[in-house]
């Protein structure tokens, strides 16, 4: 990562990068294993892997509840925050 300052100002993940970089250079361990939490925070900020996994898990449970309630004859609608119609 360069300076962290782009056309529209500071990158949203730059503070996480600074934390990771500070830990990395101050680490006494050659493997830098003590910096793995800071690294995970930075990568989560960039890619949202954990957030996406959680949303998918919630959607799976929601679909299961919808199918179960549809089979029982009760009304249950899937609510989508993205504007898509639930099935």
C-alpha atoms as a PDB file:
ATOM      1  CA  UNK A   1       0.000   0.000   0.000  1.00  0.00           C
ATOM      2  CA  UNK A   2       1.307   3.415  -0.854  1.00  0.00           C
ATOM      3  CA  UNK A   3       0.543   6.526   1.170  1.00  0.00           C
ATOM      4  CA  UNK A   4      -3.103   5.616   1.757  1.00  0.00           C
ATOM      5  CA  UNK A   5      -4.258   8.942   0.424  1.00  0.00           C
ATOM      6  CA  UNK A   6      -6.065   8.830  -2.880  1.00  0.00           C
ATOM      7  CA  UNK A   7      -8.091  11.134  -5.062  1.00  0.00           C
ATOM      8  CA  UNK A   8     -11.017  11.214  -2.618  1.00  0.00           C
ATOM      9  CA  UNK A   9      -8.978  11.314   0.579  1.00  0.00           C
ATOM     10  CA  UNK A  10      -7.765   8.611   2.915  1.00  0.00           C
ATOM     11  CA  UNK A  11      -8.570   5.016   2.049  1.00  0.00           C
ATOM     12  CA  UNK A  12     -11.056   3.409   4.451  1.00  0.00           C
ATOM     13  CA  UNK A  13      -8.654   0.526   5.179  1.00  0.00           C
ATOM     14  CA  UNK A  14      -5.555   2.636   5.671  1.00  0.00           C
ATOM     15  CA  UNK A  15      -5.827   2.725   9.511  1.00  0.00           C
ATOM     16  CA  UNK A  16      -5.905  -1.094   9.524  1.00  0.00           C
ATOM     17  CA  UNK A  17      -2.858  -1.155   7.250  1.00  0.00           C
ATOM     18  CA  UNK A  18      -1.008   1.194   9.593  1.00  0.00           C
ATOM     19  CA  UNK A  19      -1.804  -1.033  12.578  1.00  0.00           C
ATOM     20  CA  UNK A  20      -0.587  -4.105  10.719  1.00  0.00           C
ATOM     21  CA  UNK A  21       2.547  -2.355   9.482  1.00  0.00           C
ATOM     22  CA  UNK A  22       3.388  -1.077  12.958  1.00  0.00           C
ATOM     23  CA  UNK A  23       2.960  -4.567  14.419  1.00  0.00           C
ATOM     24  CA  UNK A  24       4.978  -6.145  11.602  1.00  0.00           C
ATOM     25  CA  UNK A  25       7.999  -3.897  12.032  1.00  0.00           C
ATOM     26  CA  UNK A  26       7.952  -3.992  15.820  1.00  0.00           C
ATOM     27  CA  UNK A  27       7.564  -7.782  15.990  1.00  0.00           C
ATOM     28  CA  UNK A  28      10.446  -9.746  17.456  1.00  0.00           C
ATOM     29  CA  UNK A  29       9.148 -12.996  15.940  1.00  0.00           C
ATOM     30  CA  UNK A  30      10.556 -13.735  12.467  1.00  0.00           C
ATOM     31  CA  UNK A  31       7.244 -15.326  11.349  1.00  0.00           C
ATOM     32  CA  UNK A  32       5.247 -12.302  12.566  1.00  0.00           C
ATOM     33  CA  UNK A  33       2.569 -14.657  13.879  1.00  0.00           C
ATOM     34  CA  UNK A  34       1.693 -12.183  16.629  1.00  0.00           C
ATOM     35  CA  UNK A  35       0.451  -9.805  13.904  1.00  0.00           C
ATOM     36  CA  UNK A  36      -2.141 -12.183  12.465  1.00  0.00           C
ATOM     37  CA  UNK A  37      -5.130 -10.402  14.133  1.00  0.00           C
ATOM     38  CA  UNK A  38      -4.063  -7.068  12.629  1.00  0.00           C
ATOM     39  CA  UNK A  39      -3.533  -8.746   9.250  1.00  0.00           C
ATOM     40  CA  UNK A  40      -6.994 -10.363   9.419  1.00  0.00           C
ATOM     41  CA  UNK A  41      -8.577  -7.004  10.230  1.00  0.00           C
ATOM     42  CA  UNK A  42      -6.865  -5.390   7.249  1.00  0.00           C
ATOM     43  CA  UNK A  43      -7.853  -8.175   4.852  1.00  0.00           C
ATOM     44  CA  UNK A  44     -11.441  -8.138   6.155  1.00  0.00           C
ATOM     45  CA  UNK A  45     -11.601  -4.412   5.505  1.00  0.00           C
ATOM     46  CA  UNK A  46     -10.388  -4.954   1.942  1.00  0.00           C
ATOM     47  CA  UNK A  47     -12.387  -8.034   0.950  1.00  0.00           C
ATOM     48  CA  UNK A  48     -15.210  -8.528   3.520  1.00  0.00           C
ATOM     49  CA  UNK A  49     -14.769 -12.321   3.558  1.00  0.00           C
ATOM     50  CA  UNK A  50     -16.259 -12.785   7.036  1.00  0.00           C
ATOM     51  CA  UNK A  51     -19.121 -10.383   6.378  1.00  0.00           C
ATOM     52  CA  UNK A  52     -20.042 -12.152   3.136  1.00  0.00           C
ATOM     53  CA  UNK A  53     -19.909 -15.565   4.829  1.00  0.00           C
ATOM     54  CA  UNK A  54     -22.207 -14.338   7.606  1.00  0.00           C
ATOM     55  CA  UNK A  55     -24.706 -12.847   5.146  1.00  0.00           C
ATOM     56  CA  UNK A  56     -24.767 -16.109   3.174  1.00  0.00           C
ATOM     57  CA  UNK A  57     -25.363 -18.114   6.360  1.00  0.00           C
ATOM     58  CA  UNK A  58     -28.243 -15.816   7.331  1.00  0.00           C
ATOM     59  CA  UNK A  59     -29.739 -16.081   3.835  1.00  0.00           C
ATOM     60  CA  UNK A  60     -29.514 -19.883   3.966  1.00  0.00           C
ATOM     61  CA  UNK A  61     -31.406 -20.011   7.258  1.00  0.00           C
ATOM     62  CA  UNK A  62     -33.939 -17.526   5.897  1.00  0.00           C
ATOM     63  CA  UNK A  63     -34.565 -19.706   2.835  1.00  0.00           C
ATOM     64  CA  UNK A  64     -34.901 -22.808   5.008  1.00  0.00           C
ATOM     65  CA  UNK A  65     -37.436 -21.039   7.231  1.00  0.00           C
ATOM     66  CA  UNK A  66     -39.336 -19.884   4.136  1.00  0.00           C
ATOM     67  CA  UNK A  67     -39.483 -23.421   2.709  1.00  0.00           C
ATOM     68  CA  UNK A  68     -40.525 -24.888   6.071  1.00  0.00           C
ATOM     69  CA  UNK A  69     -43.257 -22.305   6.618  1.00  0.00           C
ATOM     70  CA  UNK A  70     -44.487 -22.658   3.034  1.00  0.00           C
ATOM     71  CA  UNK A  71     -44.791 -26.412   3.552  1.00  0.00           C
ATOM     72  CA  UNK A  72     -46.763 -25.795   6.779  1.00  0.00           C
ATOM     73  CA  UNK A  73     -49.064 -23.318   5.057  1.00  0.00           C
ATOM     74  CA  UNK A  74     -48.012 -20.281   7.109  1.00  0.00           C
ATOM     75  CA  UNK A  75     -47.126 -16.964   5.534  1.00  0.00           C
ATOM     76  CA  UNK A  76     -43.436 -16.114   5.659  1.00  0.00           C
ATOM     77  CA  UNK A  77     -41.824 -13.657   3.284  1.00  0.00           C
ATOM     78  CA  UNK A  78     -38.164 -13.275   2.538  1.00  0.00           C
ATOM     79  CA  UNK A  79     -37.117  -9.660   2.995  1.00  0.00           C
ATOM     80  CA  UNK A  80     -34.242  -8.481   0.871  1.00  0.00           C
ATOM     81  CA  UNK A  81     -32.340  -5.329   1.689  1.00  0.00           C
ATOM     82  CA  UNK A  82     -30.909  -5.157  -1.828  1.00  0.00           C
ATOM     83  CA  UNK A  83     -34.292  -4.456  -3.431  1.00  0.00           C
ATOM     84  CA  UNK A  84     -34.703  -7.904  -4.952  1.00  0.00           C
ATOM     85  CA  UNK A  85     -38.048  -9.639  -4.659  1.00  0.00           C
ATOM     86  CA  UNK A  86     -38.061 -12.629  -2.307  1.00  0.00           C
ATOM     87  CA  UNK A  87     -39.101 -15.951  -3.757  1.00  0.00           C
END
